[in-house]
Amino acid sequence: MVQRIGGFRRGTRNKLRKSIRNKGKLRLTRYFQELKIGEKVLLQADSAFQKGMYFPRYHGKPGIVQDKRGRCYCIKIADGGKEKMLIIHPVHLRKL
């Protein structure tokens, strides 16, 4: 078998691309946003900030805030028939 070469962001050229209006610096309001436990959020990666980014297959999925760990949040999402916990920085989360 041929082994696939690549890393975490392999094959995400279009998925993680920002629109022309959103390019540039990070929005500080999203960086410092506070989320409450039980709040619904949307996973939307900011490709300019790599820390606390989730695996790209979960891009665009909704989730629920379960816990806070340091600066990041534990988000529970449904992936197929299973529930998974992801630890994500608030830059990559948007309130629903």
PDB file of N, CA and C in Angstrom:
ATOM      1  N   MET A   1       0.839  -1.193   0.000  1.00  0.00           N
ATOM      2  CA  MET A   1       0.000   0.000   0.000  1.00  0.00           C
ATOM      3  C   MET A   1       0.878   1.249   0.000  1.00  0.00           C
ATOM      4  N   VAL A   2       0.384   2.266  -0.670  1.00  0.00           N
ATOM      5  CA  VAL A   2       1.078   3.543  -0.696  1.00  0.00           C
ATOM      6  C   VAL A   2       0.669   4.333   0.535  1.00  0.00           C
ATOM      7  N   GLN A   3       1.657   4.867   1.219  1.00  0.00           N
ATOM      8  CA  GLN A   3       1.370   5.622   2.431  1.00  0.00           C
ATOM      9  C   GLN A   3       1.164   7.093   2.086  1.00  0.00           C
ATOM     10  N   ARG A   4       0.118   7.690   2.656  1.00  0.00           N
ATOM     11  CA  ARG A   4      -0.158   9.096   2.397  1.00  0.00           C
ATOM     12  C   ARG A   4       0.812   9.967   3.172  1.00  0.00           C
ATOM     13  N   ILE A   5       1.341  10.965   2.484  1.00  0.00           N
ATOM     14  CA  ILE A   5       2.284  11.871   3.110  1.00  0.00           C
ATOM     15  C   ILE A   5       1.569  13.192   3.364  1.00  0.00           C
ATOM     16  N   GLY A   6       1.739  13.702   4.546  1.00  0.00           N
ATOM     17  CA  GLY A   6       1.131  14.980   4.859  1.00  0.00           C
ATOM     18  C   GLY A   6       0.832  15.056   6.331  1.00  0.00           C
ATOM     19  N   GLY A   7       0.426  16.218   6.758  1.00  0.00           N
ATOM     20  CA  GLY A   7       0.205  16.451   8.171  1.00  0.00           C
ATOM     21  C   GLY A   7      -1.229  16.785   8.497  1.00  0.00           C
ATOM     22  N   PHE A   8      -1.367  17.570   9.536  1.00  0.00           N
ATOM     23  CA  PHE A   8      -2.657  17.900  10.133  1.00  0.00           C
ATOM     24  C   PHE A   8      -3.582  18.631   9.160  1.00  0.00           C
ATOM     25  N   ARG A   9      -3.025  19.533   8.356  1.00  0.00           N
ATOM     26  CA  ARG A   9      -3.847  20.373   7.482  1.00  0.00           C
ATOM     27  C   ARG A   9      -3.802  19.920   6.025  1.00  0.00           C
ATOM     28  N   ARG A  10      -3.488  18.668   5.789  1.00  0.00           N
ATOM     29  CA  ARG A  10      -3.391  18.132   4.437  1.00  0.00           C
ATOM     30  C   ARG A  10      -4.765  18.156   3.758  1.00  0.00           C
ATOM     31  N   GLY A  11      -4.831  18.681   2.547  1.00  0.00           N
ATOM     32  CA  GLY A  11      -6.055  18.693   1.764  1.00  0.00           C
ATOM     33  C   GLY A  11      -7.097  19.701   2.226  1.00  0.00           C
ATOM     34  N   THR A  12      -6.685  20.772   2.879  1.00  0.00           N
ATOM     35  CA  THR A  12      -7.658  21.738   3.407  1.00  0.00           C
ATOM     36  C   THR A  12      -7.514  23.113   2.762  1.00  0.00           C
ATOM     37  N   ARG A  13      -7.004  23.178   1.551  1.00  0.00           N
ATOM     38  CA  ARG A  13      -6.770  24.480   0.911  1.00  0.00           C
ATOM     39  C   ARG A  13      -8.051  25.296   0.808  1.00  0.00           C
ATOM     40  N   ASN A  14      -9.142  24.689   0.416  1.00  0.00           N
ATOM     41  CA  ASN A  14     -10.396  25.428   0.268  1.00  0.00           C
ATOM     42  C   ASN A  14     -11.183  25.484   1.572  1.00  0.00           C
ATOM     43  N   LYS A  15     -11.106  24.447   2.346  1.00  0.00           N
ATOM     44  CA  LYS A  15     -11.911  24.368   3.569  1.00  0.00           C
ATOM     45  C   LYS A  15     -11.529  25.431   4.588  1.00  0.00           C
ATOM     46  N   LEU A  16     -10.237  25.652   4.797  1.00  0.00           N
ATOM     47  CA  LEU A  16      -9.779  26.589   5.815  1.00  0.00           C
ATOM     48  C   LEU A  16      -9.440  27.967   5.260  1.00  0.00           C
ATOM     49  N   ARG A  17      -9.810  28.233   4.027  1.00  0.00           N
ATOM     50  CA  ARG A  17      -9.510  29.528   3.415  1.00  0.00           C
ATOM     51  C   ARG A  17     -10.452  30.602   3.948  1.00  0.00           C
ATOM     52  N   LYS A  18      -9.899  31.778   4.225  1.00  0.00           N
ATOM     53  CA  LYS A  18     -10.716  32.907   4.683  1.00  0.00           C
ATOM     54  C   LYS A  18     -11.262  33.663   3.485  1.00  0.00           C
ATOM     55  N   SER A  19     -12.385  34.328   3.675  1.00  0.00           N
ATOM     56  CA  SER A  19     -12.895  35.187   2.616  1.00  0.00           C
ATOM     57  C   SER A  19     -12.048  36.454   2.572  1.00  0.00           C
ATOM     58  N   ILE A  20     -12.131  37.183   1.483  1.00  0.00           N
ATOM     59  CA  ILE A  20     -11.280  38.358   1.283  1.00  0.00           C
ATOM     60  C   ILE A  20     -11.552  39.425   2.336  1.00  0.00           C
ATOM     61  N   ARG A  21     -12.775  39.509   2.852  1.00  0.00           N
ATOM     62  CA  ARG A  21     -13.128  40.536   3.840  1.00  0.00           C
ATOM     63  C   ARG A  21     -12.635  40.189   5.239  1.00  0.00           C
ATOM     64  N   ASN A  22     -12.333  38.932   5.481  1.00  0.00           N
ATOM     65  CA  ASN A  22     -11.924  38.504   6.819  1.00  0.00           C
ATOM     66  C   ASN A  22     -10.422  38.301   6.963  1.00  0.00           C
ATOM     67  N   LYS A  23      -9.664  38.546   5.888  1.00  0.00           N
ATOM     68  CA  LYS A  23      -8.218  38.362   5.966  1.00  0.00           C
ATOM     69  C   LYS A  23      -7.601  39.453   6.825  1.00  0.00           C
ATOM     70  N   GLY A  24      -6.457  39.138   7.426  1.00  0.00           N
ATOM     71  CA  GLY A  24      -5.758  40.118   8.242  1.00  0.00           C
ATOM     72  C   GLY A  24      -5.642  39.662   9.678  1.00  0.00           C
ATOM     73  N   LYS A  25      -5.652  40.627  10.586  1.00  0.00           N
ATOM     74  CA  LYS A  25      -5.467  40.342  12.000  1.00  0.00           C
ATOM     75  C   LYS A  25      -6.640  39.567  12.582  1.00  0.00           C
ATOM     76  N   LEU A  26      -6.382  38.915  13.709  1.00  0.00           N
ATOM     77  CA  LEU A  26      -7.451  38.228  14.431  1.00  0.00           C
ATOM     78  C   LEU A  26      -8.381  39.252  15.056  1.00  0.00           C
ATOM     79  N   ARG A  27      -9.631  38.888  15.179  1.00  0.00           N
ATOM     80  CA  ARG A  27     -10.567  39.745  15.891  1.00  0.00           C
ATOM     81  C   ARG A  27     -10.408  39.485  17.380  1.00  0.00           C
ATOM     82  N   LEU A  28     -10.117  40.521  18.118  1.00  0.00           N
ATOM     83  CA  LEU A  28      -9.884  40.359  19.550  1.00  0.00           C
ATOM     84  C   LEU A  28     -11.167  40.007  20.292  1.00  0.00           C
ATOM     85  N   THR A  29     -12.326  40.418  19.774  1.00  0.00           N
ATOM     86  CA  THR A  29     -13.583  40.065  20.433  1.00  0.00           C
ATOM     87  C   THR A  29     -13.806  38.561  20.390  1.00  0.00           C
ATOM     88  N   ARG A  30     -13.408  37.917  19.299  1.00  0.00           N
ATOM     89  CA  ARG A  30     -13.532  36.455  19.222  1.00  0.00           C
ATOM     90  C   ARG A  30     -12.469  35.762  20.065  1.00  0.00           C
ATOM     91  N   TYR A  31     -11.295  36.374  20.170  1.00  0.00           N
ATOM     92  CA  TYR A  31     -10.210  35.789  20.962  1.00  0.00           C
ATOM     93  C   TYR A  31     -10.577  35.764  22.442  1.00  0.00           C
ATOM     94  N   PHE A  32     -11.186  36.840  22.927  1.00  0.00           N
ATOM     95  CA  PHE A  32     -11.494  36.969  24.350  1.00  0.00           C
ATOM     96  C   PHE A  32     -12.939  36.645  24.691  1.00  0.00           C
ATOM     97  N   GLN A  33     -13.713  36.085  23.761  1.00  0.00           N
ATOM     98  CA  GLN A  33     -15.122  35.822  24.046  1.00  0.00           C
ATOM     99  C   GLN A  33     -15.286  34.791  25.164  1.00  0.00           C
ATOM    100  N   GLU A  34     -16.279  35.003  25.983  1.00  0.00           N
ATOM    101  CA  GLU A  34     -16.599  34.096  27.085  1.00  0.00           C
ATOM    102  C   GLU A  34     -17.834  33.288  26.703  1.00  0.00           C
ATOM    103  N   LEU A  35     -17.764  31.990  26.887  1.00  0.00           N
ATOM    104  CA  LEU A  35     -18.881  31.104  26.570  1.00  0.00           C
ATOM    105  C   LEU A  35     -19.375  30.461  27.860  1.00  0.00           C
ATOM    106  N   LYS A  36     -20.684  30.266  27.939  1.00  0.00           N
ATOM    107  CA  LYS A  36     -21.271  29.632  29.114  1.00  0.00           C
ATOM    108  C   LYS A  36     -21.431  28.139  28.866  1.00  0.00           C
ATOM    109  N   ILE A  37     -21.415  27.369  29.935  1.00  0.00           N
ATOM    110  CA  ILE A  37     -21.610  25.922  29.819  1.00  0.00           C
ATOM    111  C   ILE A  37     -23.042  25.662  29.374  1.00  0.00           C
ATOM    112  N   GLY A  38     -23.197  24.801  28.374  1.00  0.00           N
ATOM    113  CA  GLY A  38     -24.499  24.485  27.812  1.00  0.00           C
ATOM    114  C   GLY A  38     -24.851  25.319  26.593  1.00  0.00           C
ATOM    115  N   GLU A  39     -24.018  26.286  26.247  1.00  0.00           N
ATOM    116  CA  GLU A  39     -24.282  27.149  25.100  1.00  0.00           C
ATOM    117  C   GLU A  39     -23.941  26.431  23.800  1.00  0.00           C
ATOM    118  N   LYS A  40     -24.732  26.685  22.743  1.00  0.00           N
ATOM    119  CA  LYS A  40     -24.482  26.075  21.442  1.00  0.00           C
ATOM    120  C   LYS A  40     -23.512  26.931  20.653  1.00  0.00           C
ATOM    121  N   VAL A  41     -22.555  26.265  20.007  1.00  0.00           N
ATOM    122  CA  VAL A  41     -21.538  26.951  19.218  1.00  0.00           C
ATOM    123  C   VAL A  41     -21.353  26.250  17.880  1.00  0.00           C
ATOM    124  N   LEU A  42     -20.764  26.992  16.939  1.00  0.00           N
ATOM    125  CA  LEU A  42     -20.433  26.450  15.627  1.00  0.00           C
ATOM    126  C   LEU A  42     -18.924  26.417  15.501  1.00  0.00           C
ATOM    127  N   LEU A  43     -18.372  25.307  15.026  1.00  0.00           N
ATOM    128  CA  LEU A  43     -16.936  25.173  14.843  1.00  0.00           C
ATOM    129  C   LEU A  43     -16.557  25.808  13.513  1.00  0.00           C
ATOM    130  N   GLN A  44     -15.845  26.928  13.589  1.00  0.00           N
ATOM    131  CA  GLN A  44     -15.417  27.637  12.390  1.00  0.00           C
ATOM    132  C   GLN A  44     -13.972  28.064  12.602  1.00  0.00           C
ATOM    133  N   ALA A  45     -13.047  27.335  11.994  1.00  0.00           N
ATOM    134  CA  ALA A  45     -11.617  27.525  12.239  1.00  0.00           C
ATOM    135  C   ALA A  45     -11.123  28.842  11.659  1.00  0.00           C
ATOM    136  N   ASP A  46     -10.267  29.508  12.414  1.00  0.00           N
ATOM    137  CA  ASP A  46      -9.549  30.678  11.927  1.00  0.00           C
ATOM    138  C   ASP A  46      -8.144  30.189  11.564  1.00  0.00           C
ATOM    139  N   SER A  47      -7.855  30.128  10.279  1.00  0.00           N
ATOM    140  CA  SER A  47      -6.618  29.497   9.827  1.00  0.00           C
ATOM    141  C   SER A  47      -5.369  30.293  10.180  1.00  0.00           C
ATOM    142  N   ALA A  48      -5.512  31.551  10.606  1.00  0.00           N
ATOM    143  CA  ALA A  48      -4.357  32.356  10.991  1.00  0.00           C
ATOM    144  C   ALA A  48      -3.870  32.030  12.398  1.00  0.00           C
ATOM    145  N   PHE A  49      -4.670  31.296  13.173  1.00  0.00           N
ATOM    146  CA  PHE A  49      -4.328  30.980  14.561  1.00  0.00           C
ATOM    147  C   PHE A  49      -4.365  29.470  14.721  1.00  0.00           C
ATOM    148  N   GLN A  50      -3.174  28.849  14.851  1.00  0.00           N
ATOM    149  CA  GLN A  50      -3.116  27.391  14.839  1.00  0.00           C
ATOM    150  C   GLN A  50      -3.341  26.759  16.201  1.00  0.00           C
ATOM    151  N   LYS A  51      -3.077  27.484  17.288  1.00  0.00           N
ATOM    152  CA  LYS A  51      -3.223  26.902  18.613  1.00  0.00           C
ATOM    153  C   LYS A  51      -4.698  26.629  18.908  1.00  0.00           C
ATOM    154  N   GLY A  52      -4.955  25.477  19.481  1.00  0.00           N
ATOM    155  CA  GLY A  52      -6.318  25.139  19.870  1.00  0.00           C
ATOM    156  C   GLY A  52      -7.233  24.845  18.707  1.00  0.00           C
ATOM    157  N   MET A  53      -6.662  24.544  17.542  1.00  0.00           N
ATOM    158  CA  MET A  53      -7.485  24.229  16.375  1.00  0.00           C
ATOM    159  C   MET A  53      -7.843  22.747  16.398  1.00  0.00           C
ATOM    160  N   TYR A  54      -9.033  22.425  15.967  1.00  0.00           N
ATOM    161  CA  TYR A  54      -9.519  21.048  15.917  1.00  0.00           C
ATOM    162  C   TYR A  54      -9.136  20.409  14.583  1.00  0.00           C
ATOM    163  N   PHE A  55      -9.379  19.110  14.459  1.00  0.00           N
ATOM    164  CA  PHE A  55      -9.104  18.415  13.204  1.00  0.00           C
ATOM    165  C   PHE A  55     -10.092  18.914  12.145  1.00  0.00           C
ATOM    166  N   PRO A  56      -9.632  19.190  10.915  1.00  0.00           N
ATOM    167  CA  PRO A  56     -10.478  19.842   9.913  1.00  0.00           C
ATOM    168  C   PRO A  56     -11.741  19.081   9.508  1.00  0.00           C
ATOM    169  N   ARG A  57     -11.857  17.818   9.812  1.00  0.00           N
ATOM    170  CA  ARG A  57     -13.075  17.090   9.434  1.00  0.00           C
ATOM    171  C   ARG A  57     -14.292  17.595  10.205  1.00  0.00           C
ATOM    172  N   TYR A  58     -14.082  18.249  11.354  1.00  0.00           N
ATOM    173  CA  TYR A  58     -15.184  18.750  12.164  1.00  0.00           C
ATOM    174  C   TYR A  58     -15.572  20.183  11.811  1.00  0.00           C
ATOM    175  N   HIS A  59     -14.995  20.755  10.767  1.00  0.00           N
ATOM    176  CA  HIS A  59     -15.252  22.147  10.382  1.00  0.00           C
ATOM    177  C   HIS A  59     -16.719  22.331   9.984  1.00  0.00           C
ATOM    178  N   GLY A  60     -17.366  23.307  10.599  1.00  0.00           N
ATOM    179  CA  GLY A  60     -18.760  23.617  10.281  1.00  0.00           C
ATOM    180  C   GLY A  60     -19.771  22.860  11.112  1.00  0.00           C
ATOM    181  N   LYS A  61     -19.330  22.031  12.050  1.00  0.00           N
ATOM    182  CA  LYS A  61     -20.268  21.250  12.866  1.00  0.00           C
ATOM    183  C   LYS A  61     -20.707  22.043  14.095  1.00  0.00           C
ATOM    184  N   PRO A  62     -21.953  21.859  14.525  1.00  0.00           N
ATOM    185  CA  PRO A  62     -22.401  22.492  15.762  1.00  0.00           C
ATOM    186  C   PRO A  62     -22.018  21.647  16.970  1.00  0.00           C
ATOM    187  N   GLY A  63     -21.886  22.292  18.107  1.00  0.00           N
ATOM    188  CA  GLY A  63     -21.536  21.591  19.336  1.00  0.00           C
ATOM    189  C   GLY A  63     -22.072  22.316  20.550  1.00  0.00           C
ATOM    190  N   ILE A  64     -21.865  21.707  21.719  1.00  0.00           N
ATOM    191  CA  ILE A  64     -22.324  22.266  22.987  1.00  0.00           C
ATOM    192  C   ILE A  64     -21.125  22.390  23.922  1.00  0.00           C
ATOM    193  N   VAL A  65     -21.024  23.548  24.588  1.00  0.00           N
ATOM    194  CA  VAL A  65     -19.928  23.781  25.529  1.00  0.00           C
ATOM    195  C   VAL A  65     -20.168  22.944  26.777  1.00  0.00           C
ATOM    196  N   GLN A  66     -19.173  22.121  27.151  1.00  0.00           N
ATOM    197  CA  GLN A  66     -19.287  21.257  28.315  1.00  0.00           C
ATOM    198  C   GLN A  66     -18.459  21.748  29.498  1.00  0.00           C
ATOM    199  N   ASP A  67     -17.275  22.322  29.209  1.00  0.00           N
ATOM    200  CA  ASP A  67     -16.330  22.622  30.279  1.00  0.00           C
ATOM    201  C   ASP A  67     -15.332  23.646  29.761  1.00  0.00           C
ATOM    202  N   LYS A  68     -14.581  24.266  30.676  1.00  0.00           N
ATOM    203  CA  LYS A  68     -13.505  25.164  30.292  1.00  0.00           C
ATOM    204  C   LYS A  68     -12.202  24.631  30.853  1.00  0.00           C
ATOM    205  N   ARG A  69     -11.166  24.574  29.999  1.00  0.00           N
ATOM    206  CA  ARG A  69      -9.843  24.118  30.420  1.00  0.00           C
ATOM    207  C   ARG A  69      -8.830  25.180  30.031  1.00  0.00           C
ATOM    208  N   GLY A  70      -8.394  25.954  31.011  1.00  0.00           N
ATOM    209  CA  GLY A  70      -7.483  27.053  30.727  1.00  0.00           C
ATOM    210  C   GLY A  70      -8.185  28.090  29.880  1.00  0.00           C
ATOM    211  N   ARG A  71      -7.599  28.421  28.726  1.00  0.00           N
ATOM    212  CA  ARG A  71      -8.236  29.361  27.811  1.00  0.00           C
ATOM    213  C   ARG A  71      -9.221  28.676  26.879  1.00  0.00           C
ATOM    214  N   CYS A  72      -9.104  27.365  26.734  1.00  0.00           N
ATOM    215  CA  CYS A  72      -9.905  26.614  25.764  1.00  0.00           C
ATOM    216  C   CYS A  72     -11.182  26.062  26.384  1.00  0.00           C
ATOM    217  N   TYR A  73     -12.064  25.583  25.514  1.00  0.00           N
ATOM    218  CA  TYR A  73     -13.338  25.009  25.930  1.00  0.00           C
ATOM    219  C   TYR A  73     -13.445  23.569  25.445  1.00  0.00           C
ATOM    220  N   CYS A  74     -14.113  22.734  26.240  1.00  0.00           N
ATOM    221  CA  CYS A  74     -14.430  21.368  25.826  1.00  0.00           C
ATOM    222  C   CYS A  74     -15.784  21.423  25.133  1.00  0.00           C
ATOM    223  N   ILE A  75     -15.818  20.984  23.892  1.00  0.00           N
ATOM    224  CA  ILE A  75     -17.027  21.026  23.087  1.00  0.00           C
ATOM    225  C   ILE A  75     -17.445  19.605  22.773  1.00  0.00           C
ATOM    226  N   LYS A  76     -18.734  19.294  23.006  1.00  0.00           N
ATOM    227  CA  LYS A  76     -19.262  17.969  22.683  1.00  0.00           C
ATOM    228  C   LYS A  76     -19.953  18.060  21.327  1.00  0.00           C
ATOM    229  N   ILE A  77     -19.530  17.191  20.391  1.00  0.00           N
ATOM    230  CA  ILE A  77     -20.132  17.170  19.064  1.00  0.00           C
ATOM    231  C   ILE A  77     -20.600  15.756  18.751  1.00  0.00           C
ATOM    232  N   ALA A  78     -21.493  15.650  17.794  1.00  0.00           N
ATOM    233  CA  ALA A  78     -21.955  14.353  17.296  1.00  0.00           C
ATOM    234  C   ALA A  78     -21.226  14.071  15.996  1.00  0.00           C
ATOM    235  N   ASP A  79     -20.498  12.945  15.955  1.00  0.00           N
ATOM    236  CA  ASP A  79     -19.766  12.539  14.764  1.00  0.00           C
ATOM    237  C   ASP A  79     -20.268  11.160  14.366  1.00  0.00           C
ATOM    238  N   GLY A  80     -21.141  11.130  13.371  1.00  0.00           N
ATOM    239  CA  GLY A  80     -21.781   9.872  13.012  1.00  0.00           C
ATOM    240  C   GLY A  80     -22.731   9.466  14.120  1.00  0.00           C
ATOM    241  N   GLY A  81     -22.534   8.302  14.709  1.00  0.00           N
ATOM    242  CA  GLY A  81     -23.370   7.849  15.807  1.00  0.00           C
ATOM    243  C   GLY A  81     -22.719   8.023  17.165  1.00  0.00           C
ATOM    244  N   LYS A  82     -21.571   8.689  17.213  1.00  0.00           N
ATOM    245  CA  LYS A  82     -20.836   8.818  18.467  1.00  0.00           C
ATOM    246  C   LYS A  82     -20.764  10.274  18.900  1.00  0.00           C
ATOM    247  N   GLU A  83     -20.631  10.468  20.203  1.00  0.00           N
ATOM    248  CA  GLU A  83     -20.390  11.799  20.736  1.00  0.00           C
ATOM    249  C   GLU A  83     -18.909  11.924  21.058  1.00  0.00           C
ATOM    250  N   LYS A  84     -18.321  13.051  20.686  1.00  0.00           N
ATOM    251  CA  LYS A  84     -16.900  13.263  20.902  1.00  0.00           C
ATOM    252  C   LYS A  84     -16.677  14.581  21.619  1.00  0.00           C
ATOM    253  N   MET A  85     -15.587  14.635  22.387  1.00  0.00           N
ATOM    254  CA  MET A  85     -15.189  15.845  23.093  1.00  0.00           C
ATOM    255  C   MET A  85     -13.953  16.422  22.407  1.00  0.00           C
ATOM    256  N   LEU A  86     -14.028  17.686  22.041  1.00  0.00           N
ATOM    257  CA  LEU A  86     -12.901  18.378  21.432  1.00  0.00           C
ATOM    258  C   LEU A  86     -12.515  19.554  22.315  1.00  0.00           C
ATOM    259  N   ILE A  87     -11.218  19.808  22.436  1.00  0.00           N
ATOM    260  CA  ILE A  87     -10.730  20.943  23.206  1.00  0.00           C
ATOM    261  C   ILE A  87     -10.321  22.018  22.203  1.00  0.00           C
ATOM    262  N   ILE A  88     -11.034  23.161  22.228  1.00  0.00           N
ATOM    263  CA  ILE A  88     -10.917  24.158  21.169  1.00  0.00           C
ATOM    264  C   ILE A  88     -10.749  25.550  21.768  1.00  0.00           C
ATOM    265  N   HIS A  89      -9.881  26.336  21.159  1.00  0.00           N
ATOM    266  CA  HIS A  89      -9.695  27.733  21.557  1.00  0.00           C
ATOM    267  C   HIS A  89     -10.900  28.551  21.075  1.00  0.00           C
ATOM    268  N   PRO A  90     -11.320  29.587  21.828  1.00  0.00           N
ATOM    269  CA  PRO A  90     -12.504  30.360  21.442  1.00  0.00           C
ATOM    270  C   PRO A  90     -12.387  31.110  20.116  1.00  0.00           C
ATOM    271  N   VAL A  91     -11.186  31.282  19.573  1.00  0.00           N
ATOM    272  CA  VAL A  91     -11.037  31.912  18.260  1.00  0.00           C
ATOM    273  C   VAL A  91     -11.753  31.092  17.192  1.00  0.00           C
ATOM    274  N   HIS A  92     -11.798  29.787  17.379  1.00  0.00           N
ATOM    275  CA  HIS A  92     -12.371  28.870  16.378  1.00  0.00           C
ATOM    276  C   HIS A  92     -13.845  28.562  16.638  1.00  0.00           C
ATOM    277  N   LEU A  93     -14.478  29.274  17.568  1.00  0.00           N
ATOM    278  CA  LEU A  93     -15.879  29.028  17.908  1.00  0.00           C
ATOM    279  C   LEU A  93     -16.724  30.257  17.624  1.00  0.00           C
ATOM    280  N   ARG A  94     -17.958  30.013  17.206  1.00  0.00           N
ATOM    281  CA  ARG A  94     -18.908  31.092  16.960  1.00  0.00           C
ATOM    282  C   ARG A  94     -20.222  30.740  17.634  1.00  0.00           C
ATOM    283  N   LYS A  95     -20.821  31.682  18.359  1.00  0.00           N
ATOM    284  CA  LYS A  95     -22.085  31.429  19.050  1.00  0.00           C
ATOM    285  C   LYS A  95     -23.204  31.249  18.051  1.00  0.00           C
ATOM    286  N   LEU A  96     -24.122  30.323  18.359  1.00  0.00           N
ATOM    287  CA  LEU A  96     -25.308  30.133  17.509  1.00  0.00           C
ATOM    288  C   LEU A  96     -26.506  30.829  18.090  1.00  0.00           C
TER     289      LEU A  96
END
